[in-house]
Amino acid sequence: MKLMPISVVFAALMLPLPAGAQTADAPKVKGFPVVYVTEASGKETKGRIVNWTGSTIVLQTETTTKSFAEGEAIRVDLRGDSLKNGALIGAGVGVFFGTLSSAIGDCEGCHGAQVAFVLMGIGVYAAIGTAIDALIPGRTPLWRAGSPARSGGGLAINVSPRRRSAFVGWKIKT
């Protein structure tokens, strides 16, 4: 008797359903991430990737579609970055200040309170670091011309005075 409801559910799940295809006027770039393409001249273009072959990157910007041939684009960055680095920096600061506050405290033999100070410091400062990192959106490097990933290994440093940034990348040759 208990197999009957399960059989009905499985039979209902196995029924074919009509597929909803995209219409011809549907935007082709919906769901793709926002990227920033930096040209050799330093000009930066923001848009969504429409197509990316080995030699051409096609972006849909707010106003038009723009293509970058091989050699025109030197860097592609994704909008946003992980909040993990803010949390880790905050946790490191929390270890320092939690340890400092537990050392300053005048409590002989209450090691539990000292551990609590350190753990509270880690938690509070990790939350603060995560919040600061969330307020300052970063970028995640996606591709660079001549990057170590393409050359097989080594260290690459890319400094951009225009963006006031530096990127250090490496790949260990295996």
N, C-alpha and C. Protein backbone atom coordinates (compact mmCIF):
# COMPACT_ATOMS: atom_id res chain seq x y z
N MET A 1 0.81 -1.18 0.00
CA MET A 1 0.00 0.00 0.00
C MET A 1 0.86 1.26 0.00
N LYS A 2 2.04 1.21 0.66
CA LYS A 2 2.89 2.38 0.74
C LYS A 2 3.63 2.63 -0.57
N LEU A 3 3.73 1.66 -1.43
CA LEU A 3 4.39 1.84 -2.71
C LEU A 3 3.53 2.59 -3.70
N MET A 4 2.26 2.62 -3.51
CA MET A 4 1.36 3.28 -4.45
C MET A 4 1.62 4.79 -4.55
N PRO A 5 1.71 5.56 -3.44
CA PRO A 5 1.99 6.99 -3.58
C PRO A 5 3.35 7.26 -4.23
N ILE A 6 4.35 6.46 -3.90
CA ILE A 6 5.67 6.65 -4.50
C ILE A 6 5.62 6.37 -5.99
N SER A 7 4.90 5.33 -6.39
CA SER A 7 4.76 5.01 -7.81
C SER A 7 4.06 6.12 -8.56
N VAL A 8 3.06 6.72 -7.96
CA VAL A 8 2.34 7.83 -8.61
C VAL A 8 3.27 9.03 -8.78
N VAL A 9 4.07 9.33 -7.76
CA VAL A 9 5.01 10.46 -7.85
C VAL A 9 6.04 10.21 -8.95
N PHE A 10 6.62 9.02 -9.01
CA PHE A 10 7.59 8.70 -10.05
C PHE A 10 6.96 8.75 -11.43
N ALA A 11 5.74 8.27 -11.57
CA ALA A 11 5.07 8.31 -12.87
C ALA A 11 4.82 9.75 -13.29
N ALA A 12 4.45 10.62 -12.35
CA ALA A 12 4.22 12.03 -12.68
C ALA A 12 5.51 12.72 -13.08
N LEU A 13 6.61 12.34 -12.45
CA LEU A 13 7.89 12.95 -12.79
C LEU A 13 8.40 12.49 -14.15
N MET A 14 7.98 11.36 -14.60
CA MET A 14 8.44 10.81 -15.87
C MET A 14 7.65 11.33 -17.07
N LEU A 15 6.56 12.06 -16.82
CA LEU A 15 5.76 12.57 -17.93
C LEU A 15 6.54 13.63 -18.69
N PRO A 16 6.47 13.62 -20.01
CA PRO A 16 7.19 14.65 -20.78
C PRO A 16 6.50 16.00 -20.62
N LEU A 17 7.31 17.05 -20.53
CA LEU A 17 6.80 18.41 -20.43
C LEU A 17 7.28 19.20 -21.63
N PRO A 18 6.50 20.16 -22.08
CA PRO A 18 6.95 20.98 -23.21
C PRO A 18 8.14 21.84 -22.80
N ALA A 19 9.10 21.97 -23.70
CA ALA A 19 10.29 22.76 -23.44
C ALA A 19 10.05 24.19 -23.89
N GLY A 20 10.49 25.12 -23.09
CA GLY A 20 10.36 26.54 -23.44
C GLY A 20 11.63 27.02 -24.09
N ALA A 21 11.61 27.26 -25.38
CA ALA A 21 12.80 27.74 -26.10
C ALA A 21 12.85 29.25 -26.06
N GLN A 22 14.05 29.80 -26.27
CA GLN A 22 14.19 31.24 -26.32
C GLN A 22 13.62 31.78 -27.62
N THR A 23 13.05 32.95 -27.53
CA THR A 23 12.55 33.59 -28.74
C THR A 23 13.72 34.27 -29.45
N ALA A 24 13.50 34.65 -30.68
CA ALA A 24 14.57 35.25 -31.48
C ALA A 24 15.01 36.60 -30.92
N ASP A 25 14.10 37.32 -30.24
CA ASP A 25 14.46 38.65 -29.75
C ASP A 25 14.99 38.61 -28.30
N ALA A 26 15.22 37.42 -27.75
CA ALA A 26 15.77 37.31 -26.39
C ALA A 26 17.22 37.77 -26.40
N PRO A 27 17.63 38.50 -25.37
CA PRO A 27 19.03 38.95 -25.33
C PRO A 27 19.97 37.76 -25.21
N LYS A 28 21.03 37.78 -25.98
CA LYS A 28 21.96 36.67 -26.01
C LYS A 28 22.90 36.65 -24.80
N VAL A 29 23.02 37.78 -24.11
CA VAL A 29 24.03 37.88 -23.06
C VAL A 29 23.44 37.76 -21.66
N LYS A 30 22.17 37.47 -21.52
CA LYS A 30 21.56 37.40 -20.20
C LYS A 30 22.20 36.26 -19.40
N GLY A 31 22.60 36.57 -18.17
CA GLY A 31 23.19 35.57 -17.30
C GLY A 31 24.70 35.52 -17.37
N PHE A 32 25.32 36.13 -18.36
CA PHE A 32 26.78 36.14 -18.42
C PHE A 32 27.30 37.22 -17.48
N PRO A 33 28.48 37.03 -16.91
CA PRO A 33 28.99 38.00 -15.94
C PRO A 33 29.46 39.29 -16.61
N VAL A 34 29.45 40.35 -15.83
CA VAL A 34 30.00 41.63 -16.28
C VAL A 34 31.52 41.53 -16.21
N VAL A 35 32.17 41.93 -17.29
CA VAL A 35 33.62 41.90 -17.35
C VAL A 35 34.13 43.28 -17.76
N TYR A 36 35.40 43.51 -17.49
CA TYR A 36 36.09 44.73 -17.90
C TYR A 36 37.24 44.30 -18.79
N VAL A 37 37.24 44.79 -20.03
CA VAL A 37 38.31 44.47 -20.98
C VAL A 37 39.21 45.68 -21.09
N THR A 38 40.49 45.49 -20.83
CA THR A 38 41.48 46.56 -20.93
C THR A 38 42.24 46.39 -22.23
N GLU A 39 42.26 47.47 -23.03
CA GLU A 39 42.97 47.46 -24.31
C GLU A 39 44.43 47.83 -24.08
N ALA A 40 45.25 47.64 -25.09
CA ALA A 40 46.68 47.96 -25.01
C ALA A 40 46.89 49.45 -24.75
N SER A 41 45.98 50.30 -25.22
CA SER A 41 46.09 51.74 -25.01
C SER A 41 45.73 52.15 -23.58
N GLY A 42 45.17 51.24 -22.79
CA GLY A 42 44.76 51.56 -21.43
C GLY A 42 43.27 51.81 -21.30
N LYS A 43 42.57 51.93 -22.41
CA LYS A 43 41.13 52.16 -22.37
C LYS A 43 40.43 50.90 -21.86
N GLU A 44 39.42 51.12 -21.02
CA GLU A 44 38.70 50.00 -20.42
C GLU A 44 37.25 50.00 -20.90
N THR A 45 36.76 48.83 -21.27
CA THR A 45 35.38 48.68 -21.74
C THR A 45 34.66 47.71 -20.82
N LYS A 46 33.47 48.12 -20.36
CA LYS A 46 32.66 47.28 -19.47
C LYS A 46 31.51 46.69 -20.27
N GLY A 47 31.27 45.40 -20.10
CA GLY A 47 30.16 44.76 -20.80
C GLY A 47 30.03 43.30 -20.42
N ARG A 48 29.12 42.63 -21.12
CA ARG A 48 28.89 41.20 -20.90
C ARG A 48 29.43 40.44 -22.10
N ILE A 49 30.03 39.28 -21.84
CA ILE A 49 30.61 38.48 -22.92
C ILE A 49 29.49 37.87 -23.76
N VAL A 50 29.54 38.11 -25.06
CA VAL A 50 28.62 37.49 -26.00
C VAL A 50 29.27 36.24 -26.59
N ASN A 51 30.54 36.40 -26.99
CA ASN A 51 31.26 35.30 -27.61
C ASN A 51 32.75 35.48 -27.32
N TRP A 52 33.42 34.37 -27.07
CA TRP A 52 34.85 34.43 -26.84
C TRP A 52 35.48 33.21 -27.47
N THR A 53 36.12 33.43 -28.60
CA THR A 53 36.86 32.36 -29.25
C THR A 53 38.32 32.56 -28.92
N GLY A 54 39.18 31.74 -29.45
CA GLY A 54 40.61 31.87 -29.15
C GLY A 54 41.21 33.18 -29.59
N SER A 55 40.64 33.84 -30.59
CA SER A 55 41.25 35.05 -31.12
C SER A 55 40.37 36.29 -31.01
N THR A 56 39.11 36.15 -30.63
CA THR A 56 38.20 37.30 -30.61
C THR A 56 37.33 37.27 -29.36
N ILE A 57 37.18 38.45 -28.75
CA ILE A 57 36.27 38.63 -27.62
C ILE A 57 35.20 39.61 -28.07
N VAL A 58 33.93 39.21 -27.93
CA VAL A 58 32.81 40.08 -28.30
C VAL A 58 32.04 40.43 -27.03
N LEU A 59 31.89 41.74 -26.78
CA LEU A 59 31.19 42.24 -25.60
C LEU A 59 29.91 42.95 -26.00
N GLN A 60 28.89 42.82 -25.16
CA GLN A 60 27.68 43.63 -25.29
C GLN A 60 27.77 44.71 -24.23
N THR A 61 28.01 45.96 -24.66
CA THR A 61 28.07 47.08 -23.74
C THR A 61 26.66 47.65 -23.58
N GLU A 62 26.52 48.73 -22.84
CA GLU A 62 25.20 49.33 -22.64
C GLU A 62 24.62 49.85 -23.94
N THR A 63 25.46 50.28 -24.86
CA THR A 63 24.97 50.90 -26.09
C THR A 63 25.19 50.09 -27.35
N THR A 64 26.20 49.25 -27.39
CA THR A 64 26.55 48.57 -28.64
C THR A 64 27.27 47.25 -28.36
N THR A 65 27.59 46.56 -29.43
CA THR A 65 28.41 45.35 -29.35
C THR A 65 29.80 45.70 -29.83
N LYS A 66 30.82 45.31 -29.08
CA LYS A 66 32.19 45.65 -29.44
C LYS A 66 33.02 44.38 -29.51
N SER A 67 33.84 44.26 -30.55
CA SER A 67 34.72 43.11 -30.75
C SER A 67 36.16 43.51 -30.51
N PHE A 68 36.91 42.61 -29.90
CA PHE A 68 38.33 42.81 -29.69
C PHE A 68 39.06 41.68 -30.40
N ALA A 69 39.88 42.04 -31.39
CA ALA A 69 40.65 41.04 -32.12
C ALA A 69 41.88 40.66 -31.30
N GLU A 70 42.58 39.62 -31.75
CA GLU A 70 43.77 39.17 -31.05
C GLU A 70 44.80 40.29 -31.00
N GLY A 71 45.32 40.56 -29.82
CA GLY A 71 46.31 41.61 -29.64
C GLY A 71 45.73 42.93 -29.19
N GLU A 72 44.42 43.15 -29.34
CA GLU A 72 43.82 44.41 -28.90
C GLU A 72 43.53 44.40 -27.40
N ALA A 73 43.06 43.30 -26.87
CA ALA A 73 42.75 43.19 -25.45
C ALA A 73 43.96 42.61 -24.73
N ILE A 74 44.34 43.26 -23.63
CA ILE A 74 45.48 42.74 -22.87
C ILE A 74 45.07 42.15 -21.53
N ARG A 75 43.82 42.43 -21.11
CA ARG A 75 43.38 41.95 -19.81
C ARG A 75 41.86 41.90 -19.74
N VAL A 76 41.32 40.85 -19.10
CA VAL A 76 39.89 40.73 -18.86
C VAL A 76 39.71 40.43 -17.38
N ASP A 77 38.90 41.27 -16.70
CA ASP A 77 38.64 41.10 -15.27
C ASP A 77 37.15 40.89 -15.06
N LEU A 78 36.81 40.02 -14.10
CA LEU A 78 35.43 39.84 -13.68
C LEU A 78 35.10 40.88 -12.61
N ARG A 79 33.84 41.34 -12.61
CA ARG A 79 33.42 42.26 -11.55
C ARG A 79 33.23 41.46 -10.27
N GLY A 80 33.74 41.99 -9.17
CA GLY A 80 33.57 41.35 -7.87
C GLY A 80 34.74 40.44 -7.52
N ASP A 81 34.88 40.20 -6.25
CA ASP A 81 35.90 39.28 -5.76
C ASP A 81 35.37 38.59 -4.51
N SER A 82 36.12 37.66 -4.03
CA SER A 82 35.74 36.89 -2.85
C SER A 82 35.84 37.75 -1.60
N LEU A 83 34.95 37.51 -0.64
CA LEU A 83 35.00 38.21 0.64
C LEU A 83 35.94 37.52 1.63
N LYS A 84 36.50 36.41 1.17
CA LYS A 84 37.35 35.60 2.05
C LYS A 84 38.58 36.38 2.52
N ASN A 85 39.19 37.16 1.64
CA ASN A 85 40.40 37.87 2.04
C ASN A 85 40.09 38.91 3.12
N GLY A 86 38.94 39.58 3.05
CA GLY A 86 38.55 40.52 4.10
C GLY A 86 38.33 39.83 5.42
N ALA A 87 37.70 38.65 5.37
CA ALA A 87 37.46 37.89 6.60
C ALA A 87 38.77 37.41 7.21
N LEU A 88 39.70 36.96 6.37
CA LEU A 88 40.98 36.48 6.89
C LEU A 88 41.82 37.61 7.49
N ILE A 89 41.83 38.75 6.83
CA ILE A 89 42.57 39.90 7.38
C ILE A 89 41.94 40.33 8.70
N GLY A 90 40.61 40.40 8.74
CA GLY A 90 39.92 40.77 9.97
C GLY A 90 40.18 39.77 11.09
N ALA A 91 40.20 38.48 10.75
CA ALA A 91 40.47 37.46 11.76
C ALA A 91 41.90 37.61 12.30
N GLY A 92 42.84 37.93 11.43
CA GLY A 92 44.22 38.15 11.88
C GLY A 92 44.32 39.34 12.83
N VAL A 93 43.63 40.42 12.49
CA VAL A 93 43.59 41.59 13.38
C VAL A 93 42.90 41.21 14.69
N GLY A 94 41.85 40.39 14.61
CA GLY A 94 41.14 39.94 15.80
C GLY A 94 42.00 39.10 16.72
N VAL A 95 42.85 38.26 16.15
CA VAL A 95 43.78 37.47 16.99
C VAL A 95 44.69 38.41 17.76
N PHE A 96 45.21 39.43 17.06
CA PHE A 96 46.12 40.38 17.71
C PHE A 96 45.41 41.13 18.83
N PHE A 97 44.28 41.77 18.50
CA PHE A 97 43.60 42.58 19.51
C PHE A 97 42.95 41.73 20.60
N GLY A 98 42.48 40.54 20.28
CA GLY A 98 41.94 39.65 21.30
C GLY A 98 43.00 39.20 22.28
N THR A 99 44.18 38.87 21.75
CA THR A 99 45.30 38.48 22.60
C THR A 99 45.76 39.66 23.45
N LEU A 100 45.80 40.84 22.85
CA LEU A 100 46.21 42.04 23.58
C LEU A 100 45.22 42.34 24.71
N SER A 101 43.93 42.26 24.43
CA SER A 101 42.94 42.57 25.47
C SER A 101 42.94 41.52 26.57
N SER A 102 43.19 40.26 26.23
CA SER A 102 43.25 39.24 27.28
C SER A 102 44.52 39.37 28.12
N ALA A 103 45.60 39.88 27.54
CA ALA A 103 46.84 40.07 28.28
C ALA A 103 46.75 41.28 29.21
N ILE A 104 45.99 42.29 28.79
CA ILE A 104 45.84 43.49 29.60
C ILE A 104 44.95 43.22 30.82
N GLY A 105 43.98 42.32 30.64
CA GLY A 105 43.04 42.02 31.72
C GLY A 105 43.74 41.55 32.99
N ASP A 106 43.19 41.93 34.13
CA ASP A 106 43.79 41.60 35.42
C ASP A 106 43.01 40.45 36.05
N CYS A 107 43.20 39.26 35.46
CA CYS A 107 42.46 38.09 35.94
C CYS A 107 43.42 36.91 36.03
N GLU A 108 43.84 36.60 37.25
CA GLU A 108 44.73 35.48 37.46
C GLU A 108 43.94 34.18 37.46
N GLY A 109 44.34 33.23 36.67
CA GLY A 109 43.73 31.91 36.70
C GLY A 109 42.42 31.79 35.94
N CYS A 110 42.02 32.79 35.17
CA CYS A 110 40.78 32.66 34.40
C CYS A 110 41.12 32.59 32.92
N HIS A 111 41.65 31.44 32.54
CA HIS A 111 42.07 31.23 31.17
C HIS A 111 40.88 31.15 30.22
N GLY A 112 39.74 30.73 30.73
CA GLY A 112 38.54 30.66 29.91
C GLY A 112 38.12 32.04 29.41
N ALA A 113 38.26 33.05 30.26
CA ALA A 113 37.92 34.42 29.86
C ALA A 113 38.90 34.94 28.82
N GLN A 114 40.17 34.56 28.97
CA GLN A 114 41.17 35.00 28.00
C GLN A 114 40.91 34.38 26.63
N VAL A 115 40.58 33.11 26.61
CA VAL A 115 40.24 32.44 25.35
C VAL A 115 39.00 33.08 24.74
N ALA A 116 38.03 33.42 25.58
CA ALA A 116 36.81 34.07 25.09
C ALA A 116 37.11 35.42 24.46
N PHE A 117 38.03 36.19 25.06
CA PHE A 117 38.42 37.47 24.48
C PHE A 117 39.03 37.28 23.09
N VAL A 118 39.90 36.29 22.96
CA VAL A 118 40.54 36.04 21.67
C VAL A 118 39.49 35.61 20.63
N LEU A 119 38.61 34.69 20.99
CA LEU A 119 37.59 34.23 20.05
C LEU A 119 36.62 35.34 19.68
N MET A 120 36.25 36.19 20.67
CA MET A 120 35.37 37.33 20.35
C MET A 120 36.08 38.30 19.41
N GLY A 121 37.35 38.53 19.65
CA GLY A 121 38.12 39.42 18.78
C GLY A 121 38.18 38.89 17.36
N ILE A 122 38.40 37.58 17.22
CA ILE A 122 38.44 36.97 15.89
C ILE A 122 37.09 37.14 15.20
N GLY A 123 36.01 36.84 15.90
CA GLY A 123 34.68 36.93 15.29
C GLY A 123 34.29 38.34 14.90
N VAL A 124 34.50 39.28 15.82
CA VAL A 124 34.10 40.67 15.56
C VAL A 124 34.93 41.26 14.42
N TYR A 125 36.23 41.10 14.48
CA TYR A 125 37.09 41.70 13.45
C TYR A 125 36.96 40.99 12.11
N ALA A 126 36.67 39.69 12.10
CA ALA A 126 36.41 39.01 10.83
C ALA A 126 35.13 39.55 10.19
N ALA A 127 34.11 39.82 11.01
CA ALA A 127 32.87 40.41 10.48
C ALA A 127 33.12 41.81 9.95
N ILE A 128 33.92 42.60 10.65
CA ILE A 128 34.24 43.95 10.20
C ILE A 128 35.03 43.89 8.89
N GLY A 129 36.01 43.01 8.83
CA GLY A 129 36.80 42.87 7.59
C GLY A 129 35.95 42.43 6.41
N THR A 130 35.01 41.51 6.64
CA THR A 130 34.11 41.08 5.58
C THR A 130 33.22 42.22 5.12
N ALA A 131 32.71 43.01 6.06
CA ALA A 131 31.84 44.14 5.71
C ALA A 131 32.60 45.19 4.90
N ILE A 132 33.82 45.48 5.29
CA ILE A 132 34.62 46.46 4.54
C ILE A 132 34.91 45.93 3.14
N ASP A 133 35.24 44.64 3.03
CA ASP A 133 35.51 44.03 1.72
C ASP A 133 34.25 44.05 0.85
N ALA A 134 33.09 43.88 1.44
CA ALA A 134 31.85 43.91 0.67
C ALA A 134 31.53 45.32 0.18
N LEU A 135 31.90 46.34 0.94
CA LEU A 135 31.64 47.72 0.55
C LEU A 135 32.56 48.19 -0.57
N ILE A 136 33.72 47.58 -0.70
CA ILE A 136 34.69 47.97 -1.72
C ILE A 136 34.77 46.83 -2.73
N PRO A 137 33.95 46.88 -3.81
CA PRO A 137 33.97 45.76 -4.76
C PRO A 137 35.29 45.72 -5.52
N GLY A 138 35.84 44.56 -5.57
CA GLY A 138 37.10 44.37 -6.27
C GLY A 138 36.87 43.72 -7.62
N ARG A 139 37.93 43.27 -8.21
CA ARG A 139 37.86 42.57 -9.50
C ARG A 139 38.69 41.31 -9.42
N THR A 140 38.24 40.31 -10.15
CA THR A 140 38.94 39.04 -10.21
C THR A 140 39.56 38.89 -11.59
N PRO A 141 40.88 38.77 -11.69
CA PRO A 141 41.50 38.60 -13.00
C PRO A 141 41.01 37.31 -13.67
N LEU A 142 40.54 37.44 -14.89
CA LEU A 142 40.04 36.30 -15.65
C LEU A 142 41.05 35.86 -16.70
N TRP A 143 41.65 36.81 -17.39
CA TRP A 143 42.60 36.49 -18.47
C TRP A 143 43.52 37.67 -18.69
N ARG A 144 44.78 37.37 -18.99
CA ARG A 144 45.75 38.39 -19.37
C ARG A 144 46.56 37.89 -20.55
N ALA A 145 46.86 38.77 -21.47
CA ALA A 145 47.70 38.41 -22.61
C ALA A 145 49.09 38.07 -22.10
N GLY A 146 49.62 36.93 -22.52
CA GLY A 146 50.94 36.51 -22.09
C GLY A 146 51.00 36.09 -20.63
N SER A 147 49.88 35.66 -20.07
CA SER A 147 49.85 35.27 -18.67
C SER A 147 50.62 33.98 -18.45
N PRO A 148 51.01 33.71 -17.20
CA PRO A 148 51.75 32.48 -16.93
C PRO A 148 50.98 31.23 -17.34
N ALA A 149 49.64 31.28 -17.30
CA ALA A 149 48.85 30.12 -17.67
C ALA A 149 49.05 29.76 -19.13
N ARG A 150 49.32 30.76 -19.97
CA ARG A 150 49.53 30.49 -21.39
C ARG A 150 50.98 30.10 -21.67
N SER A 151 51.91 30.62 -20.86
CA SER A 151 53.31 30.36 -21.16
C SER A 151 53.85 29.12 -20.48
N GLY A 152 53.07 28.50 -19.58
CA GLY A 152 53.51 27.25 -18.99
C GLY A 152 54.04 27.38 -17.58
N GLY A 153 54.25 28.57 -17.05
CA GLY A 153 54.69 28.70 -15.67
C GLY A 153 55.51 29.95 -15.48
N GLY A 154 55.72 30.32 -14.22
CA GLY A 154 56.53 31.48 -13.91
C GLY A 154 55.76 32.54 -13.16
N LEU A 155 56.37 33.69 -13.01
CA LEU A 155 55.81 34.82 -12.28
C LEU A 155 55.53 35.94 -13.25
N ALA A 156 54.36 36.56 -13.12
CA ALA A 156 54.02 37.69 -13.98
C ALA A 156 53.55 38.84 -13.10
N ILE A 157 54.03 40.03 -13.38
CA ILE A 157 53.63 41.23 -12.64
C ILE A 157 53.05 42.21 -13.63
N ASN A 158 51.86 42.70 -13.35
CA ASN A 158 51.20 43.67 -14.22
C ASN A 158 50.83 44.88 -13.38
N VAL A 159 51.45 46.03 -13.65
CA VAL A 159 51.19 47.26 -12.91
C VAL A 159 50.43 48.20 -13.83
N SER A 160 49.33 48.77 -13.33
CA SER A 160 48.51 49.69 -14.10
C SER A 160 48.45 51.03 -13.38
N PRO A 161 49.26 52.02 -13.79
CA PRO A 161 49.20 53.32 -13.14
C PRO A 161 47.84 54.00 -13.32
N ARG A 162 47.20 53.76 -14.46
CA ARG A 162 45.91 54.38 -14.73
C ARG A 162 44.86 53.92 -13.73
N ARG A 163 44.84 52.61 -13.42
CA ARG A 163 43.88 52.07 -12.46
C ARG A 163 44.42 52.07 -11.04
N ARG A 164 45.69 52.47 -10.89
CA ARG A 164 46.35 52.46 -9.59
C ARG A 164 46.27 51.08 -8.95
N SER A 165 46.68 50.09 -9.72
CA SER A 165 46.62 48.72 -9.22
C SER A 165 47.83 47.94 -9.70
N ALA A 166 48.04 46.83 -9.02
CA ALA A 166 49.09 45.90 -9.41
C ALA A 166 48.53 44.50 -9.28
N PHE A 167 48.92 43.63 -10.18
CA PHE A 167 48.48 42.24 -10.16
C PHE A 167 49.70 41.37 -10.27
N VAL A 168 49.85 40.45 -9.33
CA VAL A 168 50.94 39.49 -9.38
C VAL A 168 50.32 38.12 -9.54
N GLY A 169 50.73 37.40 -10.55
CA GLY A 169 50.21 36.07 -10.79
C GLY A 169 51.35 35.08 -10.97
N TRP A 170 51.10 33.86 -10.62
CA TRP A 170 52.11 32.84 -10.81
C TRP A 170 51.45 31.51 -11.09
N LYS A 171 52.23 30.65 -11.71
CA LYS A 171 51.80 29.30 -11.96
C LYS A 171 53.01 28.41 -11.81
N ILE A 172 52.82 27.35 -11.05
CA ILE A 172 53.91 26.39 -10.87
C ILE A 172 53.85 25.39 -12.00
N LYS A 173 54.94 25.26 -12.71
CA LYS A 173 55.00 24.35 -13.83
C LYS A 173 55.01 22.92 -13.32
N THR A 174 54.07 22.12 -13.81
CA THR A 174 53.99 20.73 -13.35
C THR A 174 54.40 19.76 -14.42
